Amino acid sequence: MSALNKCKLIFKCYVITLLATSLLSPRYCLAEPSLSFATVDSPPLSSNTIPNGGVFTELTRAAFQQVGYDFKLTYVPWKRALLNTKNGHYDGLLLTSYAEDRVEYLNYSKLVMVESVVLISRRDLDIEFSTYKDLELYTIGAMRASIAALLLAENNVKTEETTDLVTSLRMVVHGRLDLMAINKLTLNHLLSNEYSDWQNKLKIVAPLYMDKLYLTISRKNPDHEVIVKAFNQGLLAIQRNGTYDDILNKYQLKKEQSN
């Protein structure tokens, strides 16, 4: 082989290598980085029974689309979702409430939504709530490993932790629980749709607390800081371009319900 042909061959190999390296870099990848998330079924915040997955899911997806991420979502009981994100089985969680002990293993995003958690009972029960001492005679249902369950336990309230919202509602309706802590938005959705026959059997006793909801990324993921920073940028972008408000309006929610 002549020296000229050798030079041509070396040049071709260099160009092919350079092109392949460029195409494999994130900048030129056609596929978006994909993340795995877990959450609990809590319509209309997040649910596989609602088109597009619910308001929180839509907000999350819209924010990530702004910065080139995609994700898949798995619905599991909350305690399992929390544990499996802590150990890195999932990249992150949707609908995470803030708790100091969770910061050790979860990296929190900027605030996504705020919703009211309320106490409900049967309509035929005369229960008042102004202090936790008012609840000492009652058994209250709360989702296992939720902030509501922790809050009630810390205040020495007898709590029965459950894994399913509908099962808990049914227990209240049939008198197996005196009260239940539930997100007001989810309560209204369930009683306006699949379980409308329970509307005349249940009532809101009082608000329990305001629940601040975040996206969180497992600190087991080595890129957790990068992902949270990207999500925050995407969240700010959809708040500025009107997408955030459009999604809230789609679910007939007001902005003050999420800020």
Protein backbone atom coordinates (compact mmCIF):
# COMPACT_ATOMS: atom_id res chain seq x y z
CA MET A 1 0.00 0.00 0.00
CA SER A 2 1.39 3.37 -0.99
CA ALA A 3 2.08 6.08 1.55
CA LEU A 4 -0.75 8.16 0.04
CA ASN A 5 -3.30 5.34 0.44
CA LYS A 6 -2.15 4.76 4.01
CA CYS A 7 -2.75 8.43 4.79
CA LYS A 8 -6.22 8.27 3.23
CA LEU A 9 -7.08 5.17 5.30
CA ILE A 10 -5.87 6.77 8.53
CA PHE A 11 -7.88 9.92 7.77
CA LYS A 12 -11.06 7.89 7.08
CA CYS A 13 -10.65 5.99 10.38
CA TYR A 14 -10.19 9.30 12.21
CA VAL A 15 -13.35 10.77 10.66
CA ILE A 16 -15.42 7.65 11.44
CA THR A 17 -14.20 7.62 15.06
CA LEU A 18 -14.91 11.32 15.48
CA LEU A 19 -18.41 10.96 14.00
CA ALA A 20 -19.25 7.95 16.17
CA THR A 21 -18.06 9.73 19.31
CA SER A 22 -20.17 12.78 18.47
CA LEU A 23 -23.31 10.78 17.81
CA LEU A 24 -22.95 8.88 21.08
CA SER A 25 -22.63 12.02 23.15
CA PRO A 26 -25.79 13.14 25.09
CA ARG A 27 -26.04 16.25 22.96
CA TYR A 28 -26.71 14.22 19.83
CA CYS A 29 -28.61 11.29 21.32
CA LEU A 30 -32.11 10.97 19.92
CA ALA A 31 -33.43 9.18 23.00
CA GLU A 32 -34.24 11.31 26.03
CA PRO A 33 -32.72 10.25 29.37
CA SER A 34 -35.35 8.06 31.05
CA LEU A 35 -35.98 7.93 34.79
CA SER A 36 -38.04 5.53 36.89
CA PHE A 37 -40.47 6.96 39.44
CA ALA A 38 -42.85 5.49 41.98
CA THR A 39 -45.93 6.97 43.57
CA VAL A 40 -49.20 6.02 45.19
CA ASP A 41 -52.50 5.98 43.32
CA SER A 42 -54.17 9.20 44.47
CA PRO A 43 -56.50 10.68 41.85
CA PRO A 44 -56.60 13.32 40.51
CA LEU A 45 -53.02 14.05 41.63
CA SER A 46 -51.54 10.90 40.14
CA SER A 47 -53.38 7.82 38.90
CA ASN A 48 -53.32 5.29 36.08
CA THR A 49 -57.12 5.60 35.89
CA ILE A 50 -56.93 9.20 34.62
CA PRO A 51 -55.86 10.27 31.12
CA ASN A 52 -52.29 11.60 31.22
CA GLY A 53 -51.89 10.40 34.80
CA GLY A 54 -53.33 13.26 36.83
CA VAL A 55 -52.36 16.84 37.59
CA PHE A 56 -49.10 16.20 39.48
CA THR A 57 -47.97 13.69 36.88
CA GLU A 58 -48.73 16.13 34.06
CA LEU A 59 -46.85 18.94 35.80
CA THR A 60 -43.87 16.64 36.33
CA ARG A 61 -43.83 15.45 32.73
CA ALA A 62 -44.20 18.98 31.35
CA ALA A 63 -41.32 20.23 33.50
CA PHE A 64 -39.02 17.37 32.48
CA GLN A 65 -39.90 17.78 28.80
CA GLN A 66 -38.51 21.30 29.00
CA VAL A 67 -35.08 19.91 29.90
CA GLY A 68 -35.03 16.73 27.81
CA TYR A 69 -35.98 14.02 30.30
CA ASP A 70 -38.60 11.29 30.12
CA PHE A 71 -39.79 8.95 32.86
CA LYS A 72 -41.85 5.86 33.53
CA LEU A 73 -44.14 5.69 36.54
CA THR A 74 -45.04 2.73 38.78
CA TYR A 75 -47.95 2.78 41.24
CA VAL A 76 -47.29 0.96 44.51
CA PRO A 77 -48.31 1.38 48.17
CA TRP A 78 -46.62 4.46 49.64
CA LYS A 79 -44.40 2.67 52.16
CA ARG A 80 -43.00 0.42 49.41
CA ALA A 81 -42.50 3.40 47.10
CA LEU A 82 -40.59 5.24 49.82
CA LEU A 83 -38.41 2.27 50.77
CA ASN A 84 -37.58 1.27 47.19
CA THR A 85 -36.64 4.84 46.29
CA LYS A 86 -34.50 5.10 49.42
CA ASN A 87 -32.53 2.00 48.37
CA GLY A 88 -32.22 3.16 44.75
CA HIS A 89 -34.61 0.73 43.07
CA TYR A 90 -36.49 3.77 41.73
CA ASP A 91 -34.84 7.02 40.68
CA GLY A 92 -37.42 9.11 42.48
CA LEU A 93 -40.86 9.73 43.92
CA LEU A 94 -43.86 11.80 42.94
CA LEU A 95 -46.12 13.38 45.58
CA THR A 96 -43.48 13.50 48.31
CA SER A 97 -44.34 15.45 51.45
CA TYR A 98 -41.48 17.12 53.30
CA ALA A 99 -39.95 15.42 56.34
CA GLU A 100 -36.51 16.15 57.78
CA ASP A 101 -35.52 12.50 58.08
CA ARG A 102 -36.25 11.96 54.39
CA VAL A 103 -33.70 14.57 53.35
CA GLU A 104 -30.97 12.08 54.27
CA TYR A 105 -31.92 9.85 51.34
CA LEU A 106 -34.10 12.04 49.09
CA ASN A 107 -33.12 15.19 47.20
CA TYR A 108 -36.13 17.53 47.12
CA SER A 109 -37.17 19.70 44.18
CA LYS A 110 -38.72 23.12 44.43
CA LEU A 111 -42.32 23.10 45.64
CA VAL A 112 -44.70 21.71 43.01
CA MET A 113 -48.13 21.83 44.72
CA VAL A 114 -49.84 22.42 48.06
CA GLU A 115 -53.01 20.63 49.09
CA SER A 116 -55.12 20.38 52.23
CA VAL A 117 -55.24 17.14 54.22
CA VAL A 118 -58.52 16.83 56.12
CA LEU A 119 -60.15 14.60 58.70
CA ILE A 120 -63.38 12.95 57.60
CA SER A 121 -66.00 10.89 59.46
CA ARG A 122 -69.47 9.48 58.92
CA ARG A 123 -72.20 12.12 58.88
CA ASP A 124 -73.96 10.57 61.88
CA LEU A 125 -70.96 11.10 64.18
CA ASP A 126 -70.66 14.33 66.16
CA ILE A 127 -66.89 14.82 66.28
CA GLU A 128 -65.09 18.13 66.74
CA PHE A 129 -61.38 18.74 66.30
CA SER A 130 -59.45 21.74 67.56
CA THR A 131 -56.61 20.00 69.45
CA TYR A 132 -55.24 16.47 69.26
CA LYS A 133 -56.68 15.77 72.72
CA ASP A 134 -60.11 15.91 71.04
CA LEU A 135 -59.16 12.75 69.11
CA GLU A 136 -58.04 10.55 72.00
CA LEU A 137 -61.27 8.50 71.99
CA TYR A 138 -61.18 7.72 68.27
CA THR A 139 -59.33 5.49 65.83
CA ILE A 140 -58.11 7.31 62.74
CA GLY A 141 -57.07 5.77 59.44
CA ALA A 142 -54.02 7.11 57.62
CA MET A 143 -51.83 5.89 54.78
CA ARG A 144 -48.91 3.80 55.99
CA ALA A 145 -45.65 5.78 56.30
CA SER A 146 -47.43 9.04 55.40
CA ILE A 147 -46.86 12.37 57.12
CA ALA A 148 -50.45 12.18 58.41
CA ALA A 149 -49.75 8.85 60.12
CA LEU A 150 -46.52 10.16 61.64
CA LEU A 151 -48.18 13.39 62.80
CA LEU A 152 -51.06 11.59 64.47
CA ALA A 153 -48.76 9.07 66.14
CA GLU A 154 -46.51 11.84 67.46
CA ASN A 155 -49.56 13.37 69.12
CA ASN A 156 -50.57 10.07 70.74
CA VAL A 157 -53.63 9.57 68.55
CA LYS A 158 -54.69 5.96 67.98
CA THR A 159 -53.95 5.36 64.32
CA GLU A 160 -54.61 2.46 61.99
CA GLU A 161 -52.29 2.61 59.00
CA THR A 162 -53.64 1.34 55.68
CA THR A 163 -52.23 0.87 52.19
CA ASP A 164 -55.27 1.77 50.10
CA LEU A 165 -57.37 4.95 50.18
CA VAL A 166 -60.59 3.33 49.01
CA THR A 167 -60.31 0.55 51.59
CA SER A 168 -59.87 3.20 54.28
CA LEU A 169 -62.90 5.14 53.06
CA ARG A 170 -64.95 1.96 53.07
CA MET A 171 -63.88 1.29 56.67
CA VAL A 172 -65.10 4.75 57.68
CA VAL A 173 -68.42 4.27 55.87
CA HIS A 174 -68.99 0.93 57.62
CA GLY A 175 -67.89 2.14 61.05
CA ARG A 176 -64.62 0.22 61.34
CA LEU A 177 -62.76 3.53 61.54
CA ASP A 178 -64.01 6.67 63.30
CA LEU A 179 -62.09 9.10 61.11
CA MET A 180 -59.64 9.17 58.25
CA ALA A 181 -56.92 11.58 57.12
CA ILE A 182 -57.07 12.16 53.37
CA ASN A 183 -56.03 14.72 50.80
CA LYS A 184 -59.07 16.91 50.15
CA LEU A 185 -58.56 16.94 46.40
CA THR A 186 -58.50 13.14 46.29
CA LEU A 187 -61.55 12.92 48.54
CA ASN A 188 -63.56 15.24 46.30
CA HIS A 189 -62.51 13.30 43.20
CA LEU A 190 -63.50 9.90 44.63
CA LEU A 191 -66.84 11.12 45.95
CA SER A 192 -67.64 12.86 42.66
CA ASN A 193 -66.86 9.85 40.52
CA GLU A 194 -66.59 6.15 41.39
CA TYR A 195 -67.90 6.47 44.94
CA SER A 196 -70.61 9.10 44.60
CA ASP A 197 -72.98 6.96 46.66
CA TRP A 198 -70.82 7.74 49.70
CA GLN A 199 -71.31 11.51 49.44
CA ASN A 200 -74.28 11.49 51.81
CA LYS A 201 -72.50 9.18 54.26
CA LEU A 202 -69.27 11.13 54.81
CA LYS A 203 -68.37 14.64 55.92
CA ILE A 204 -65.24 16.73 56.48
CA VAL A 205 -64.69 17.26 60.20
CA ALA A 206 -61.80 19.72 60.00
CA PRO A 207 -58.56 20.45 58.12
CA LEU A 208 -55.54 18.63 59.57
CA TYR A 209 -52.61 20.36 57.82
CA MET A 210 -51.47 21.81 54.51
CA ASP A 211 -49.45 19.26 52.56
CA LYS A 212 -46.55 20.60 50.49
CA LEU A 213 -45.85 18.22 47.62
CA TYR A 214 -42.50 17.80 45.85
CA LEU A 215 -40.69 15.67 43.33
CA THR A 216 -37.79 13.86 44.99
CA ILE A 217 -34.78 11.99 43.61
CA SER A 218 -33.01 9.17 45.44
CA ARG A 219 -29.56 10.11 46.69
CA LYS A 220 -28.51 6.62 45.57
CA ASN A 221 -28.68 7.99 42.02
CA PRO A 222 -25.23 9.53 41.39
CA ASP A 223 -26.83 12.22 39.22
CA HIS A 224 -29.47 13.26 41.78
CA GLU A 225 -28.22 16.86 42.01
CA VAL A 226 -28.15 17.25 38.23
CA ILE A 227 -31.65 15.79 37.85
CA VAL A 228 -33.19 17.97 40.58
CA LYS A 229 -31.53 21.07 39.15
CA ALA A 230 -32.85 20.23 35.67
CA PHE A 231 -36.36 19.60 37.00
CA ASN A 232 -36.37 22.91 38.87
CA GLN A 233 -35.38 24.68 35.67
CA GLY A 234 -38.18 22.94 33.79
CA LEU A 235 -40.70 23.75 36.52
CA LEU A 236 -39.77 27.42 36.39
CA ALA A 237 -40.06 27.36 32.60
CA ILE A 238 -43.63 25.97 32.61
CA GLN A 239 -44.62 28.44 35.33
CA ARG A 240 -43.38 31.28 33.13
CA ASN A 241 -44.74 30.09 29.78
CA GLY A 242 -48.25 29.36 31.06
CA THR A 243 -48.17 25.56 30.81
CA TYR A 244 -48.37 25.20 34.58
CA ASP A 245 -51.57 27.27 34.78
CA ASP A 246 -53.04 25.49 31.75
CA ILE A 247 -52.63 22.12 33.48
CA LEU A 248 -54.21 23.43 36.69
CA ASN A 249 -57.13 24.86 34.71
CA LYS A 250 -57.62 21.52 33.00
CA TYR A 251 -58.34 20.02 36.45
CA GLN A 252 -60.33 23.09 37.53
CA LEU A 253 -57.74 23.98 40.15
CA LYS A 254 -56.75 27.44 41.26
CA LYS A 255 -53.15 28.59 41.46
CA GLU A 256 -53.36 29.11 45.22
CA GLN A 257 -54.02 25.37 45.54
CA SER A 258 -50.54 24.70 44.29
CA ASN A 259 -48.44 27.50 45.75
